[in-house]
């Protein structure tokens, strides 16, 4: 999962102890960001000191510390899905907390991102399209088997998991930066392209 990403991403940033995965792949991180509680001394010794950025506050995760300090058209994040459930929930929370930082979470089974105001996806008909609200959000859709028009989504009332595409193109419009889209990992390239081509972004702390 990591190697294909390394080929496409010219800048490689590690969240704290995630540096170990890059080093194991033969890559010295361009930056390591976090509170450094899980970066081993051995790994630290292999990374130039000017690339290590310690942020000591404990009110945010290392992923949050990374995301808020990066600026790119699209950030690819590996290692945050598919392991501990609490880590997955924390990573998804960060996506909603940093709506101005387009980011694609990539796991072995799924990819996930925060929906921009408008999103147009090319998918095979019958593809799983799950929408999950992090707070109240509404919108409209085209190309979904179960349209979302007129619904007010909230985590404790209405969610949009296990929807599916019924047309080759799925179009979404959202009224708040609170909706996650979760797709099979086979749709990674399509979601990546859609995020890069989105006509607008959410502002910071929208």
C-alpha atoms as a PDB file:
ATOM      1  CA  UNK A   1       0.000   0.000   0.000  1.00  0.00           C
ATOM      2  CA  UNK A   2       2.814   2.429   0.836  1.00  0.00           C
ATOM      3  CA  UNK A   3       5.083   1.853  -2.167  1.00  0.00           C
ATOM      4  CA  UNK A   4       2.640   3.072  -4.873  1.00  0.00           C
ATOM      5  CA  UNK A   5       2.052   6.224  -2.826  1.00  0.00           C
ATOM      6  CA  UNK A   6       5.758   6.912  -2.567  1.00  0.00           C
ATOM      7  CA  UNK A   7       6.036   6.817  -6.348  1.00  0.00           C
ATOM      8  CA  UNK A   8       3.351   9.510  -6.734  1.00  0.00           C
ATOM      9  CA  UNK A   9       4.139  11.786  -3.798  1.00  0.00           C
ATOM     10  CA  UNK A  10       7.349  13.830  -4.101  1.00  0.00           C
ATOM     11  CA  UNK A  11       7.197  15.068  -0.492  1.00  0.00           C
ATOM     12  CA  UNK A  12       7.021  12.436   2.257  1.00  0.00           C
ATOM     13  CA  UNK A  13       6.059  13.517   5.774  1.00  0.00           C
ATOM     14  CA  UNK A  14       5.836  11.166   8.747  1.00  0.00           C
ATOM     15  CA  UNK A  15       3.557  11.545  11.739  1.00  0.00           C
ATOM     16  CA  UNK A  16       5.899  10.789  14.642  1.00  0.00           C
ATOM     17  CA  UNK A  17       6.686   7.047  14.757  1.00  0.00           C
ATOM     18  CA  UNK A  18       5.282   6.626  11.256  1.00  0.00           C
ATOM     19  CA  UNK A  19       8.807   7.519  10.187  1.00  0.00           C
ATOM     20  CA  UNK A  20       9.693   3.864  10.793  1.00  0.00           C
ATOM     21  CA  UNK A  21       7.557   2.760   7.833  1.00  0.00           C
ATOM     22  CA  UNK A  22       9.276   5.217   5.495  1.00  0.00           C
ATOM     23  CA  UNK A  23      12.724   4.271   6.725  1.00  0.00           C
ATOM     24  CA  UNK A  24      11.878   0.588   6.256  1.00  0.00           C
ATOM     25  CA  UNK A  25      10.993   1.400   2.643  1.00  0.00           C
ATOM     26  CA  UNK A  26      14.368   3.060   2.169  1.00  0.00           C
ATOM     27  CA  UNK A  27      12.996   6.602   2.325  1.00  0.00           C
ATOM     28  CA  UNK A  28      14.297   9.276   4.686  1.00  0.00           C
ATOM     29  CA  UNK A  29      11.281  11.493   5.513  1.00  0.00           C
ATOM     30  CA  UNK A  30      11.347  15.083   4.307  1.00  0.00           C
ATOM     31  CA  UNK A  31       9.796  15.963   7.662  1.00  0.00           C
ATOM     32  CA  UNK A  32       8.699  14.269  10.864  1.00  0.00           C
ATOM     33  CA  UNK A  33       5.977  16.077  12.796  1.00  0.00           C
ATOM     34  CA  UNK A  34       4.484  15.167  16.164  1.00  0.00           C
ATOM     35  CA  UNK A  35       5.108  15.064  19.880  1.00  0.00           C
ATOM     36  CA  UNK A  36       7.834  12.463  19.172  1.00  0.00           C
ATOM     37  CA  UNK A  37       6.698  10.045  21.868  1.00  0.00           C
ATOM     38  CA  UNK A  38       6.878   7.105  19.454  1.00  0.00           C
ATOM     39  CA  UNK A  39       9.896   8.000  17.303  1.00  0.00           C
ATOM     40  CA  UNK A  40      12.634   5.624  18.395  1.00  0.00           C
ATOM     41  CA  UNK A  41      16.119   6.906  19.133  1.00  0.00           C
ATOM     42  CA  UNK A  42      17.508   4.639  16.427  1.00  0.00           C
ATOM     43  CA  UNK A  43      15.142   6.035  13.791  1.00  0.00           C
ATOM     44  CA  UNK A  44      15.697   9.581  14.992  1.00  0.00           C
ATOM     45  CA  UNK A  45      19.409   9.125  14.457  1.00  0.00           C
ATOM     46  CA  UNK A  46      18.806   8.306  10.772  1.00  0.00           C
ATOM     47  CA  UNK A  47      16.913  11.544  10.082  1.00  0.00           C
ATOM     48  CA  UNK A  48      18.591  14.963   9.763  1.00  0.00           C
ATOM     49  CA  UNK A  49      17.715  17.005  12.840  1.00  0.00           C
ATOM     50  CA  UNK A  50      16.390  19.945  10.814  1.00  0.00           C
ATOM     51  CA  UNK A  51      13.681  17.674   9.416  1.00  0.00           C
ATOM     52  CA  UNK A  52      12.303  16.798  12.847  1.00  0.00           C
ATOM     53  CA  UNK A  53       9.593  19.126  14.138  1.00  0.00           C
ATOM     54  CA  UNK A  54       8.447  18.533  17.692  1.00  0.00           C
ATOM     55  CA  UNK A  55       5.055  19.897  18.733  1.00  0.00           C
ATOM     56  CA  UNK A  56       4.586  19.168  22.406  1.00  0.00           C
ATOM     57  CA  UNK A  57       0.936  20.086  23.001  1.00  0.00           C
ATOM     58  CA  UNK A  58      -1.262  17.094  23.803  1.00  0.00           C
ATOM     59  CA  UNK A  59      -4.652  18.442  22.687  1.00  0.00           C
ATOM     60  CA  UNK A  60      -4.314  17.112  19.143  1.00  0.00           C
ATOM     61  CA  UNK A  61      -3.133  13.943  17.449  1.00  0.00           C
ATOM     62  CA  UNK A  62       0.076  13.643  15.470  1.00  0.00           C
ATOM     63  CA  UNK A  63      -2.047  13.421  12.320  1.00  0.00           C
ATOM     64  CA  UNK A  64      -3.669  16.760  13.178  1.00  0.00           C
ATOM     65  CA  UNK A  65      -0.252  18.265  13.854  1.00  0.00           C
ATOM     66  CA  UNK A  66       0.847  17.146  10.387  1.00  0.00           C
ATOM     67  CA  UNK A  67      -2.249  18.185   8.492  1.00  0.00           C
ATOM     68  CA  UNK A  68      -2.425  21.709   9.879  1.00  0.00           C
ATOM     69  CA  UNK A  69       1.216  22.301   8.951  1.00  0.00           C
ATOM     70  CA  UNK A  70       1.018  21.015   5.384  1.00  0.00           C
ATOM     71  CA  UNK A  71      -0.226  22.868   2.333  1.00  0.00           C
ATOM     72  CA  UNK A  72      -0.708  20.898  -0.874  1.00  0.00           C
ATOM     73  CA  UNK A  73      -3.373  20.446  -3.558  1.00  0.00           C
ATOM     74  CA  UNK A  74      -4.057  17.010  -2.049  1.00  0.00           C
ATOM     75  CA  UNK A  75      -2.492  15.203   0.887  1.00  0.00           C
ATOM     76  CA  UNK A  76      -2.347  11.397   0.777  1.00  0.00           C
ATOM     77  CA  UNK A  77      -2.419   9.792   4.223  1.00  0.00           C
ATOM     78  CA  UNK A  78      -1.552   6.125   4.746  1.00  0.00           C
ATOM     79  CA  UNK A  79      -1.524   4.196   7.993  1.00  0.00           C
ATOM     80  CA  UNK A  80      -4.593   5.775   9.577  1.00  0.00           C
ATOM     81  CA  UNK A  81      -7.260   3.282   8.448  1.00  0.00           C
ATOM     82  CA  UNK A  82      -7.630  -0.406   9.189  1.00  0.00           C
ATOM     83  CA  UNK A  83      -5.824  -0.756  12.502  1.00  0.00           C
ATOM     84  CA  UNK A  84      -7.163   0.563  15.814  1.00  0.00           C
ATOM     85  CA  UNK A  85     -10.737   1.801  15.656  1.00  0.00           C
ATOM     86  CA  UNK A  86     -10.043   4.749  17.965  1.00  0.00           C
ATOM     87  CA  UNK A  87      -7.225   5.866  15.671  1.00  0.00           C
ATOM     88  CA  UNK A  88      -9.537   5.657  12.655  1.00  0.00           C
ATOM     89  CA  UNK A  89     -12.194   7.748  14.388  1.00  0.00           C
ATOM     90  CA  UNK A  90      -9.586  10.300  15.432  1.00  0.00           C
ATOM     91  CA  UNK A  91      -8.269  10.560  11.864  1.00  0.00           C
ATOM     92  CA  UNK A  92     -11.761  11.095  10.470  1.00  0.00           C
ATOM     93  CA  UNK A  93     -12.404  13.757  13.093  1.00  0.00           C
ATOM     94  CA  UNK A  94      -9.279  15.580  11.939  1.00  0.00           C
ATOM     95  CA  UNK A  95     -10.593  15.649   8.354  1.00  0.00           C
ATOM     96  CA  UNK A  96     -13.663  17.532   9.600  1.00  0.00           C
ATOM     97  CA  UNK A  97     -11.547  19.779  11.818  1.00  0.00           C
ATOM     98  CA  UNK A  98      -9.271  20.802   8.932  1.00  0.00           C
ATOM     99  CA  UNK A  99     -11.680  21.266   5.997  1.00  0.00           C
ATOM    100  CA  UNK A 100      -9.236  23.554   4.193  1.00  0.00           C
ATOM    101  CA  UNK A 101      -6.680  20.741   3.913  1.00  0.00           C
ATOM    102  CA  UNK A 102      -7.849  18.315   1.189  1.00  0.00           C
ATOM    103  CA  UNK A 103      -6.742  14.885   2.359  1.00  0.00           C
ATOM    104  CA  UNK A 104      -7.301  11.343   1.152  1.00  0.00           C
ATOM    105  CA  UNK A 105      -7.101   8.594   3.778  1.00  0.00           C
ATOM    106  CA  UNK A 106      -5.938   5.361   2.150  1.00  0.00           C
ATOM    107  CA  UNK A 107      -6.388   1.937   3.728  1.00  0.00           C
ATOM    108  CA  UNK A 108      -6.219  -1.638   2.487  1.00  0.00           C
ATOM    109  CA  UNK A 109      -9.983  -1.883   1.949  1.00  0.00           C
ATOM    110  CA  UNK A 110     -11.253   1.694   1.778  1.00  0.00           C
ATOM    111  CA  UNK A 111     -10.412   5.278   0.951  1.00  0.00           C
ATOM    112  CA  UNK A 112     -12.044   8.212   2.709  1.00  0.00           C
ATOM    113  CA  UNK A 113     -12.088  11.985   2.403  1.00  0.00           C
ATOM    114  CA  UNK A 114     -14.068  15.009   3.481  1.00  0.00           C
ATOM    115  CA  UNK A 115     -16.415  16.028   0.682  1.00  0.00           C
ATOM    116  CA  UNK A 116     -15.706  19.481  -0.759  1.00  0.00           C
ATOM    117  CA  UNK A 117     -18.700  21.740  -1.553  1.00  0.00           C
ATOM    118  CA  UNK A 118     -19.071  19.986  -4.922  1.00  0.00           C
ATOM    119  CA  UNK A 119     -17.722  16.599  -5.963  1.00  0.00           C
ATOM    120  CA  UNK A 120     -18.064  14.719  -9.265  1.00  0.00           C
ATOM    121  CA  UNK A 121     -16.935  11.078  -9.321  1.00  0.00           C
ATOM    122  CA  UNK A 122     -16.643   8.621 -12.187  1.00  0.00           C
ATOM    123  CA  UNK A 123     -17.438   5.148 -10.819  1.00  0.00           C
ATOM    124  CA  UNK A 124     -18.600   1.790 -12.143  1.00  0.00           C
ATOM    125  CA  UNK A 125     -22.361   1.438 -11.748  1.00  0.00           C
ATOM    126  CA  UNK A 126     -23.106  -0.456  -8.560  1.00  0.00           C
ATOM    127  CA  UNK A 127     -20.081   0.864  -6.664  1.00  0.00           C
ATOM    128  CA  UNK A 128     -20.426   1.257  -2.909  1.00  0.00           C
ATOM    129  CA  UNK A 129     -20.681   4.919  -1.953  1.00  0.00           C
ATOM    130  CA  UNK A 130     -20.910   5.531   1.776  1.00  0.00           C
ATOM    131  CA  UNK A 131     -21.561   8.982   3.179  1.00  0.00           C
ATOM    132  CA  UNK A 132     -21.014   9.579   6.870  1.00  0.00           C
ATOM    133  CA  UNK A 133     -21.762  12.875   8.627  1.00  0.00           C
ATOM    134  CA  UNK A 134     -19.434  14.179  11.309  1.00  0.00           C
ATOM    135  CA  UNK A 135     -22.054  16.792  12.281  1.00  0.00           C
ATOM    136  CA  UNK A 136     -25.307  18.073  10.785  1.00  0.00           C
ATOM    137  CA  UNK A 137     -25.050  18.429   7.018  1.00  0.00           C
ATOM    138  CA  UNK A 138     -27.352  18.312   4.021  1.00  0.00           C
ATOM    139  CA  UNK A 139     -27.008  18.354   0.279  1.00  0.00           C
ATOM    140  CA  UNK A 140     -28.110  16.963  -3.039  1.00  0.00           C
ATOM    141  CA  UNK A 141     -26.963  14.172  -5.309  1.00  0.00           C
ATOM    142  CA  UNK A 142     -27.139  12.749  -8.791  1.00  0.00           C
ATOM    143  CA  UNK A 143     -26.166   9.215  -9.711  1.00  0.00           C
ATOM    144  CA  UNK A 144     -26.912   7.597  -6.346  1.00  0.00           C
ATOM    145  CA  UNK A 145     -29.401   4.768  -5.942  1.00  0.00           C
ATOM    146  CA  UNK A 146     -30.788   6.540  -2.873  1.00  0.00           C
ATOM    147  CA  UNK A 147     -30.634  10.325  -3.429  1.00  0.00           C
ATOM    148  CA  UNK A 148     -29.737  12.502  -0.465  1.00  0.00           C
ATOM    149  CA  UNK A 149     -31.816  15.526  -1.472  1.00  0.00           C
ATOM    150  CA  UNK A 150     -33.855  16.958   1.392  1.00  0.00           C
ATOM    151  CA  UNK A 151     -32.168  14.900   4.104  1.00  0.00           C
ATOM    152  CA  UNK A 152     -30.445  16.364   7.154  1.00  0.00           C
ATOM    153  CA  UNK A 153     -27.686  13.982   8.151  1.00  0.00           C
ATOM    154  CA  UNK A 154     -26.422  13.675  11.721  1.00  0.00           C
ATOM    155  CA  UNK A 155     -24.268  10.941  13.272  1.00  0.00           C
ATOM    156  CA  UNK A 156     -26.980   9.921  15.746  1.00  0.00           C
ATOM    157  CA  UNK A 157     -29.984  10.012  13.394  1.00  0.00           C
ATOM    158  CA  UNK A 158     -29.455   9.756   9.647  1.00  0.00           C
ATOM    159  CA  UNK A 159     -26.299   8.446   7.968  1.00  0.00           C
ATOM    160  CA  UNK A 160     -25.629   7.468   4.385  1.00  0.00           C
ATOM    161  CA  UNK A 161     -23.618   4.273   4.564  1.00  0.00           C
ATOM    162  CA  UNK A 162     -23.928   1.535   1.931  1.00  0.00           C
ATOM    163  CA  UNK A 163     -25.451   3.696  -0.771  1.00  0.00           C
ATOM    164  CA  UNK A 164     -24.350   2.861  -4.306  1.00  0.00           C
ATOM    165  CA  UNK A 165     -23.913   4.441  -7.699  1.00  0.00           C
ATOM    166  CA  UNK A 166     -26.619   3.879 -10.296  1.00  0.00           C
ATOM    167  CA  UNK A 167     -24.967   5.953 -13.038  1.00  0.00           C
ATOM    168  CA  UNK A 168     -21.398   6.233 -14.344  1.00  0.00           C
ATOM    169  CA  UNK A 169     -21.027   9.652 -12.698  1.00  0.00           C
ATOM    170  CA  UNK A 170     -21.948  10.576  -9.139  1.00  0.00           C
ATOM    171  CA  UNK A 171     -22.350  14.261  -8.318  1.00  0.00           C
ATOM    172  CA  UNK A 172     -22.644  15.616  -4.782  1.00  0.00           C
ATOM    173  CA  UNK A 173     -23.284  19.062  -3.365  1.00  0.00           C
ATOM    174  CA  UNK A 174     -22.927  19.636   0.370  1.00  0.00           C
ATOM    175  CA  UNK A 175     -23.875  22.631   2.492  1.00  0.00           C
ATOM    176  CA  UNK A 176     -21.287  22.156   5.249  1.00  0.00           C
ATOM    177  CA  UNK A 177     -17.777  20.686   5.581  1.00  0.00           C
ATOM    178  CA  UNK A 178     -18.995  17.751   7.643  1.00  0.00           C
ATOM    179  CA  UNK A 179     -19.614  14.849   5.243  1.00  0.00           C
ATOM    180  CA  UNK A 180     -17.132  12.034   4.757  1.00  0.00           C
ATOM    181  CA  UNK A 181     -17.202   9.930   1.622  1.00  0.00           C
ATOM    182  CA  UNK A 182     -15.951   6.352   1.951  1.00  0.00           C
ATOM    183  CA  UNK A 183     -15.307   4.222  -1.131  1.00  0.00           C
ATOM    184  CA  UNK A 184     -13.675   0.877  -1.916  1.00  0.00           C
ATOM    185  CA  UNK A 185      -9.922   1.243  -2.330  1.00  0.00           C
ATOM    186  CA  UNK A 186     -10.336   0.347  -6.024  1.00  0.00           C
ATOM    187  CA  UNK A 187     -11.915   3.808  -6.434  1.00  0.00           C
ATOM    188  CA  UNK A 188      -8.834   5.593  -5.110  1.00  0.00           C
ATOM    189  CA  UNK A 189      -7.777   7.092  -8.436  1.00  0.00           C
ATOM    190  CA  UNK A 190     -11.290   8.337  -9.168  1.00  0.00           C
ATOM    191  CA  UNK A 191     -11.652   9.984  -5.763  1.00  0.00           C
ATOM    192  CA  UNK A 192      -8.162  11.461  -6.012  1.00  0.00           C
ATOM    193  CA  UNK A 193      -9.000  12.989  -9.377  1.00  0.00           C
ATOM    194  CA  UNK A 194     -12.361  14.295  -8.145  1.00  0.00           C
ATOM    195  CA  UNK A 195     -10.791  15.996  -5.132  1.00  0.00           C
ATOM    196  CA  UNK A 196      -8.118  17.641  -7.273  1.00  0.00           C
ATOM    197  CA  UNK A 197     -10.714  18.826  -9.799  1.00  0.00           C
ATOM    198  CA  UNK A 198     -13.265  20.074  -7.257  1.00  0.00           C
ATOM    199  CA  UNK A 199     -14.279  23.620  -8.277  1.00  0.00           C
ATOM    200  CA  UNK A 200     -13.996  25.004  -4.744  1.00  0.00           C
ATOM    201  CA  UNK A 201     -12.667  24.248  -1.282  1.00  0.00           C
ATOM    202  CA  UNK A 202     -13.981  24.852   2.189  1.00  0.00           C
ATOM    203  CA  UNK A 203     -12.349  27.718   4.087  1.00  0.00           C
ATOM    204  CA  UNK A 204     -10.462  27.049   7.295  1.00  0.00           C
ATOM    205  CA  UNK A 205     -12.777  26.304  10.225  1.00  0.00           C
ATOM    206  CA  UNK A 206     -15.838  26.766   8.025  1.00  0.00           C
END
